């Protein structure tokens, strides 16, 4: 990422513990861009109309993927699962691309060229059910479009590590796309970080646990929540970087009763979680859905009801 603070810079990933420079990652992507290797992925995008894409031939597709990977190296916070239920994979990739852009670039380019790659000591080798899946068909089912590169790197990881329910990159798949907190911890450990899983799918963890979390230099924290946490939340508008607390945007809508009984989403914590003086709200910054949400204000009752713990990863 750029070392120049942007309007949404909340002090995250600004520490010196980034073992691989961006320029090395860009060189990998530049070599990938000029390659003539035949990819096993069916990512061509002949879709027309509102969801039209540029990749209608192999050469254009390679350029499209290379451009997207280069953009993700510049700003991993752009990582976006969109309509896919792959927030766990997206959070892990966002952290990895920031901490080790060279490793991430190697993984993504090898995955495109050969259909398999490695995340540290974890081999990712998706089956033909996802490499041969028509991206154009999947894109047509998406509400918000997930770019080819993002769809590939997330779907490959989920397909390769699923033991029972096959995930084939379909945005309509829910159960097979889920990531258990222990899985997310294992993926982060594969990148070279230590990871302490303090999250679960059944029991909320409480405000005291949350306020004890301290993201910062060499420490990455992913929260497991139900997205209804944000049904009455406000955040400084991410599109403009406007930090005026009186110009806020709503973050989420209430789900149905059954959906509210279990966690449903991962977010990356970008700041400490600070209760208001009257304990009616908590304020924190976080990443999700391809952007950062600075200074989110959440009713403490909603936070407590929908917070299921955290995965805490540390650089060696």
Protein backbone atom coordinates (compact mmCIF):
# COMPACT_ATOMS: atom_id res chain seq x y z
CA UNK A 1 0.00 0.00 0.00
CA UNK A 2 1.05 3.58 -0.47
CA UNK A 3 2.95 5.09 2.44
CA UNK A 4 1.11 8.38 1.95
CA UNK A 5 -1.89 8.56 4.33
CA UNK A 6 -5.23 8.91 2.59
CA UNK A 7 -8.43 10.50 3.87
CA UNK A 8 -9.54 7.16 5.29
CA UNK A 9 -6.22 6.24 6.88
CA UNK A 10 -7.05 5.08 10.38
CA UNK A 11 -3.55 4.03 11.35
CA UNK A 12 -3.89 0.40 10.32
CA UNK A 13 -1.14 -1.47 8.46
CA UNK A 14 1.16 1.53 8.82
CA UNK A 15 3.68 -0.33 10.98
CA UNK A 16 7.02 -1.43 9.56
CA UNK A 17 6.29 -5.15 9.75
CA UNK A 18 5.70 -5.73 6.06
CA UNK A 19 8.30 -8.32 4.99
CA UNK A 20 7.86 -8.00 1.24
CA UNK A 21 7.89 -4.73 -0.73
CA UNK A 22 5.18 -3.83 -3.20
CA UNK A 23 7.63 -3.36 -6.04
CA UNK A 24 8.56 -7.06 -5.95
CA UNK A 25 4.85 -7.93 -6.18
CA UNK A 26 4.40 -5.56 -9.11
CA UNK A 27 7.29 -7.24 -10.96
CA UNK A 28 5.56 -10.61 -10.56
CA UNK A 29 2.33 -9.17 -11.93
CA UNK A 30 4.15 -7.47 -14.83
CA UNK A 31 5.71 -10.81 -15.83
CA UNK A 32 2.30 -12.44 -15.53
CA UNK A 33 0.78 -9.75 -17.72
CA UNK A 34 3.14 -10.54 -20.62
CA UNK A 35 2.85 -14.33 -20.34
CA UNK A 36 1.14 -16.41 -23.02
CA UNK A 37 0.36 -19.38 -20.76
CA UNK A 38 -3.05 -20.96 -21.20
CA UNK A 39 -5.14 -20.64 -18.07
CA UNK A 40 -7.37 -23.51 -16.91
CA UNK A 41 -9.90 -20.98 -15.57
CA UNK A 42 -13.11 -20.24 -17.45
CA UNK A 43 -13.10 -16.53 -16.62
CA UNK A 44 -13.99 -15.09 -20.01
CA UNK A 45 -16.72 -12.49 -19.65
CA UNK A 46 -18.92 -12.00 -22.72
CA UNK A 47 -21.70 -10.49 -20.61
CA UNK A 48 -23.36 -7.45 -22.14
CA UNK A 49 -25.65 -4.80 -20.74
CA UNK A 50 -25.37 -3.32 -17.23
CA UNK A 51 -22.93 -6.04 -16.10
CA UNK A 52 -20.73 -5.87 -19.19
CA UNK A 53 -17.06 -6.72 -18.73
CA UNK A 54 -13.98 -6.23 -20.94
CA UNK A 55 -12.57 -9.77 -20.86
CA UNK A 56 -13.97 -11.41 -23.99
CA UNK A 57 -10.73 -13.02 -25.19
CA UNK A 58 -7.73 -14.61 -23.49
CA UNK A 59 -5.34 -11.69 -23.93
CA UNK A 60 -7.84 -9.17 -22.61
CA UNK A 61 -8.72 -11.46 -19.73
CA UNK A 62 -5.08 -11.71 -18.64
CA UNK A 63 -4.75 -7.93 -18.74
CA UNK A 64 -8.00 -7.52 -16.80
CA UNK A 65 -6.83 -9.90 -14.07
CA UNK A 66 -3.34 -8.31 -13.99
CA UNK A 67 -4.83 -4.82 -13.67
CA UNK A 68 -7.04 -5.93 -10.81
CA UNK A 69 -4.18 -7.68 -8.98
CA UNK A 70 -2.02 -4.58 -9.36
CA UNK A 71 -4.83 -2.47 -7.89
CA UNK A 72 -5.15 -4.89 -4.96
CA UNK A 73 -1.43 -4.62 -4.27
CA UNK A 74 -1.79 -0.84 -4.18
CA UNK A 75 -4.83 -1.05 -1.93
CA UNK A 76 -5.76 -4.43 -0.43
CA UNK A 77 -8.78 -2.78 1.20
CA UNK A 78 -10.40 -3.00 -2.25
CA UNK A 79 -10.64 -6.78 -1.76
CA UNK A 80 -14.32 -7.52 -2.24
CA UNK A 81 -16.37 -10.71 -2.13
CA UNK A 82 -19.49 -8.76 -3.12
CA UNK A 83 -22.38 -11.22 -3.60
CA UNK A 84 -20.35 -14.24 -2.51
CA UNK A 85 -20.61 -15.55 1.05
CA UNK A 86 -16.80 -15.55 1.27
CA UNK A 87 -16.08 -12.78 3.78
CA UNK A 88 -13.68 -15.07 5.67
CA UNK A 89 -11.54 -15.67 2.59
CA UNK A 90 -11.71 -11.97 1.68
CA UNK A 91 -10.55 -10.90 5.15
CA UNK A 92 -7.65 -13.35 5.08
CA UNK A 93 -6.55 -12.26 1.58
CA UNK A 94 -6.78 -8.58 2.56
CA UNK A 95 -4.47 -9.13 5.51
CA UNK A 96 -2.05 -11.32 3.53
CA UNK A 97 -1.83 -8.93 0.57
CA UNK A 98 -0.97 -6.12 2.98
CA UNK A 99 1.55 -8.03 5.07
CA UNK A 100 3.15 -9.96 2.20
CA UNK A 101 2.25 -8.52 -1.21
CA UNK A 102 4.89 -10.63 -2.97
CA UNK A 103 3.45 -13.85 -1.55
CA UNK A 104 -0.06 -12.80 -2.49
CA UNK A 105 0.98 -11.86 -6.05
CA UNK A 106 2.76 -15.19 -6.49
CA UNK A 107 -0.31 -17.09 -5.28
CA UNK A 108 -2.77 -15.24 -7.51
CA UNK A 109 -0.69 -15.38 -10.71
CA UNK A 110 0.26 -19.04 -10.30
CA UNK A 111 -3.35 -19.88 -9.55
CA UNK A 112 -4.48 -18.25 -12.79
CA UNK A 113 -1.74 -19.87 -14.89
CA UNK A 114 -1.74 -23.40 -13.46
CA UNK A 115 -4.94 -23.84 -11.46
CA UNK A 116 -3.06 -24.36 -8.20
CA UNK A 117 -0.83 -22.37 -5.86
CA UNK A 118 0.32 -22.15 -2.25
CA UNK A 119 -0.41 -19.96 0.73
CA UNK A 120 2.70 -20.61 2.76
CA UNK A 121 2.49 -24.29 3.68
CA UNK A 122 -1.12 -24.61 2.48
CA UNK A 123 -1.59 -25.99 -1.03
CA UNK A 124 -4.62 -24.58 -2.84
CA UNK A 125 -5.67 -26.88 -5.66
CA UNK A 126 -9.33 -26.33 -6.57
CA UNK A 127 -11.19 -28.91 -8.58
CA UNK A 128 -12.54 -28.53 -12.09
CA UNK A 129 -15.96 -27.75 -10.60
CA UNK A 130 -14.65 -24.26 -9.89
CA UNK A 131 -11.79 -23.81 -12.39
CA UNK A 132 -14.17 -24.88 -15.16
CA UNK A 133 -17.07 -22.89 -13.78
CA UNK A 134 -18.37 -20.19 -16.10
CA UNK A 135 -17.59 -16.86 -14.50
CA UNK A 136 -20.05 -15.21 -16.88
CA UNK A 137 -22.85 -17.44 -15.59
CA UNK A 138 -21.90 -16.73 -11.96
CA UNK A 139 -21.62 -13.01 -12.65
CA UNK A 140 -25.17 -12.98 -14.01
CA UNK A 141 -26.34 -14.24 -10.58
CA UNK A 142 -24.51 -11.56 -8.62
CA UNK A 143 -26.27 -8.53 -7.22
CA UNK A 144 -23.00 -6.61 -6.93
CA UNK A 145 -20.33 -7.88 -9.32
CA UNK A 146 -17.22 -9.59 -7.92
CA UNK A 147 -14.25 -9.05 -10.32
CA UNK A 148 -12.67 -12.11 -11.95
CA UNK A 149 -9.46 -11.94 -9.91
CA UNK A 150 -11.27 -11.69 -6.57
CA UNK A 151 -13.74 -14.42 -7.53
CA UNK A 152 -10.86 -16.71 -8.52
CA UNK A 153 -8.65 -16.27 -5.44
CA UNK A 154 -11.53 -16.60 -2.96
CA UNK A 155 -13.36 -19.45 -4.71
CA UNK A 156 -10.17 -21.47 -5.14
CA UNK A 157 -9.37 -21.32 -1.44
CA UNK A 158 -12.88 -22.23 -0.35
CA UNK A 159 -13.24 -25.06 -2.89
CA UNK A 160 -9.82 -26.52 -2.13
CA UNK A 161 -10.30 -26.62 1.64
CA UNK A 162 -13.91 -27.82 1.78
CA UNK A 163 -14.16 -31.44 2.86
CA UNK A 164 -17.88 -32.17 2.50
CA UNK A 165 -19.91 -29.41 0.85
CA UNK A 166 -18.44 -28.48 -2.55
CA UNK A 167 -18.20 -24.78 -3.29
CA UNK A 168 -18.23 -23.95 -7.01
CA UNK A 169 -18.15 -20.15 -6.98
CA UNK A 170 -21.91 -19.70 -7.09
CA UNK A 171 -23.22 -16.62 -5.21
CA UNK A 172 -26.36 -18.60 -4.43
CA UNK A 173 -24.35 -21.02 -2.27
CA UNK A 174 -24.49 -20.25 1.43
CA UNK A 175 -23.56 -23.21 3.65
CA UNK A 176 -20.69 -24.42 1.46
CA UNK A 177 -19.20 -20.91 1.37
CA UNK A 178 -19.09 -20.48 5.15
CA UNK A 179 -15.73 -20.20 6.89
CA UNK A 180 -15.39 -21.54 10.42
CA UNK A 181 -13.32 -19.33 12.74
CA UNK A 182 -10.80 -22.15 13.27
CA UNK A 183 -10.40 -22.38 9.48
CA UNK A 184 -9.73 -18.66 9.20
CA UNK A 185 -7.15 -18.95 11.96
CA UNK A 186 -5.48 -21.83 10.09
CA UNK A 187 -5.38 -19.82 6.85
CA UNK A 188 -3.73 -16.90 8.65
CA UNK A 189 -1.24 -19.28 10.23
CA UNK A 190 -0.36 -20.60 6.78
CA UNK A 191 0.74 -17.09 5.79
CA UNK A 192 3.29 -17.06 8.61
CA UNK A 193 1.35 -15.30 11.34
CA UNK A 194 0.45 -16.90 14.64
CA UNK A 195 -3.31 -16.97 15.14
CA UNK A 196 -5.38 -17.27 18.30
CA UNK A 197 -9.00 -18.20 17.64
CA UNK A 198 -11.21 -16.62 20.28
CA UNK A 199 -14.41 -16.85 18.22
CA UNK A 200 -17.19 -19.39 17.88
CA UNK A 201 -20.54 -19.87 16.15
CA UNK A 202 -22.71 -20.30 19.23
CA UNK A 203 -21.89 -17.97 22.13
CA UNK A 204 -21.48 -14.20 22.10
CA UNK A 205 -18.32 -12.91 23.78
CA UNK A 206 -19.45 -9.68 25.43
CA UNK A 207 -18.29 -6.08 25.48
CA UNK A 208 -15.43 -6.67 27.92
CA UNK A 209 -13.77 -9.08 25.51
CA UNK A 210 -14.19 -6.65 22.62
CA UNK A 211 -12.77 -3.62 24.41
CA UNK A 212 -9.69 -5.65 25.30
CA UNK A 213 -8.74 -6.06 21.62
CA UNK A 214 -5.77 -3.98 20.49
CA UNK A 215 -5.04 -4.00 16.74
CA UNK A 216 -1.78 -2.32 15.86
CA UNK A 217 1.81 -2.92 14.89
CA UNK A 218 2.17 -6.53 13.80
CA UNK A 219 -1.31 -7.49 15.05
CA UNK A 220 -4.31 -8.24 12.81
CA UNK A 221 -7.75 -8.83 14.34
CA UNK A 222 -10.79 -10.26 12.54
CA UNK A 223 -14.17 -10.06 14.27
CA UNK A 224 -16.89 -12.68 13.82
CA UNK A 225 -20.28 -10.98 13.96
CA UNK A 226 -23.84 -11.07 12.77
CA UNK A 227 -24.22 -8.25 10.24
CA UNK A 228 -27.36 -7.09 12.04
CA UNK A 229 -24.90 -5.46 14.42
CA UNK A 230 -25.03 -2.58 11.95
CA UNK A 231 -28.80 -2.25 11.62
CA UNK A 232 -28.76 1.04 13.53
CA UNK A 233 -25.09 1.96 13.09
CA UNK A 234 -23.56 5.05 11.55
CA UNK A 235 -20.13 5.65 10.08
CA UNK A 236 -18.24 8.53 8.51
CA UNK A 237 -19.07 8.31 4.82
CA UNK A 238 -16.42 6.03 3.25
CA UNK A 239 -16.94 7.24 -0.32
CA UNK A 240 -15.76 10.77 0.47
CA UNK A 241 -13.67 10.31 3.57
CA UNK A 242 -15.84 12.90 5.25
CA UNK A 243 -15.13 12.80 8.97
CA UNK A 244 -18.03 15.04 9.93
CA UNK A 245 -20.08 12.99 12.44
CA UNK A 246 -23.23 14.76 11.29
CA UNK A 247 -22.84 13.45 7.73
CA UNK A 248 -23.06 9.71 8.21
CA UNK A 249 -24.31 6.74 6.28
CA UNK A 250 -26.29 3.77 7.57
CA UNK A 251 -24.33 0.50 7.44
CA UNK A 252 -26.81 -2.31 7.57
CA UNK A 253 -30.36 -3.61 7.78
CA UNK A 254 -32.03 -5.92 10.24
CA UNK A 255 -32.25 -9.60 9.26
CA UNK A 256 -35.04 -12.01 10.07
CA UNK A 257 -35.25 -13.65 13.50
CA UNK A 258 -33.66 -16.97 12.51
CA UNK A 259 -30.73 -15.30 10.74
CA UNK A 260 -30.08 -13.22 13.83
CA UNK A 261 -29.38 -16.29 15.98
CA UNK A 262 -25.97 -17.03 14.47
CA UNK A 263 -22.89 -15.14 13.25
CA UNK A 264 -22.84 -14.35 9.55
CA UNK A 265 -19.92 -12.08 8.74
CA UNK A 266 -16.23 -11.32 9.28
CA UNK A 267 -14.78 -7.82 9.49
CA UNK A 268 -11.23 -6.59 10.08
CA UNK A 269 -10.90 -4.39 13.14
CA UNK A 270 -8.96 -1.19 12.39
CA UNK A 271 -9.03 0.51 15.79
CA UNK A 272 -9.77 -0.18 19.45
CA UNK A 273 -13.44 -0.54 20.38
CA UNK A 274 -14.33 2.37 22.64
CA UNK A 275 -17.60 2.63 24.63
CA UNK A 276 -19.30 6.01 24.96
CA UNK A 277 -19.27 7.66 28.36
CA UNK A 278 -22.84 6.56 28.99
CA UNK A 279 -22.22 3.05 27.58
CA UNK A 280 -25.05 3.43 25.09
CA UNK A 281 -22.79 3.00 22.01
CA UNK A 282 -19.36 1.80 21.00
CA UNK A 283 -17.15 3.38 18.34
CA UNK A 284 -14.56 1.66 16.16
CA UNK A 285 -13.24 1.56 12.61
CA UNK A 286 -13.31 -1.54 10.44
CA UNK A 287 -12.89 -2.98 6.97
CA UNK A 288 -15.60 -4.90 5.12
CA UNK A 289 -17.27 -5.12 1.72
CA UNK A 290 -14.27 -3.68 -0.12
CA UNK A 291 -13.93 -0.47 1.86
CA UNK A 292 -13.08 0.95 5.26
CA UNK A 293 -15.67 2.33 7.67
CA UNK A 294 -14.01 4.89 9.93
CA UNK A 295 -15.51 5.83 13.28
CA UNK A 296 -18.53 3.54 13.15
CA UNK A 297 -20.93 4.17 16.01
CA UNK A 298 -22.92 1.08 17.01
CA UNK A 299 -25.54 0.79 19.75
CA UNK A 300 -23.84 -1.19 22.50
CA UNK A 301 -26.85 -3.47 22.85
CA UNK A 302 -26.56 -4.47 19.19
CA UNK A 303 -22.80 -4.92 19.43
CA UNK A 304 -23.14 -7.17 22.47
CA UNK A 305 -25.95 -9.21 20.90
CA UNK A 306 -24.09 -9.86 17.65
CA UNK A 307 -20.40 -10.13 18.58
CA UNK A 308 -19.08 -13.71 18.59
CA UNK A 309 -15.40 -13.13 19.23
CA UNK A 310 -12.21 -12.57 17.28
CA UNK A 311 -9.29 -14.23 15.56
CA UNK A 312 -6.09 -12.49 16.66
CA UNK A 313 -3.11 -12.91 14.34
CA UNK A 314 0.40 -11.65 15.07
CA UNK A 315 3.47 -11.26 12.92
CA UNK A 316 6.45 -13.34 14.08
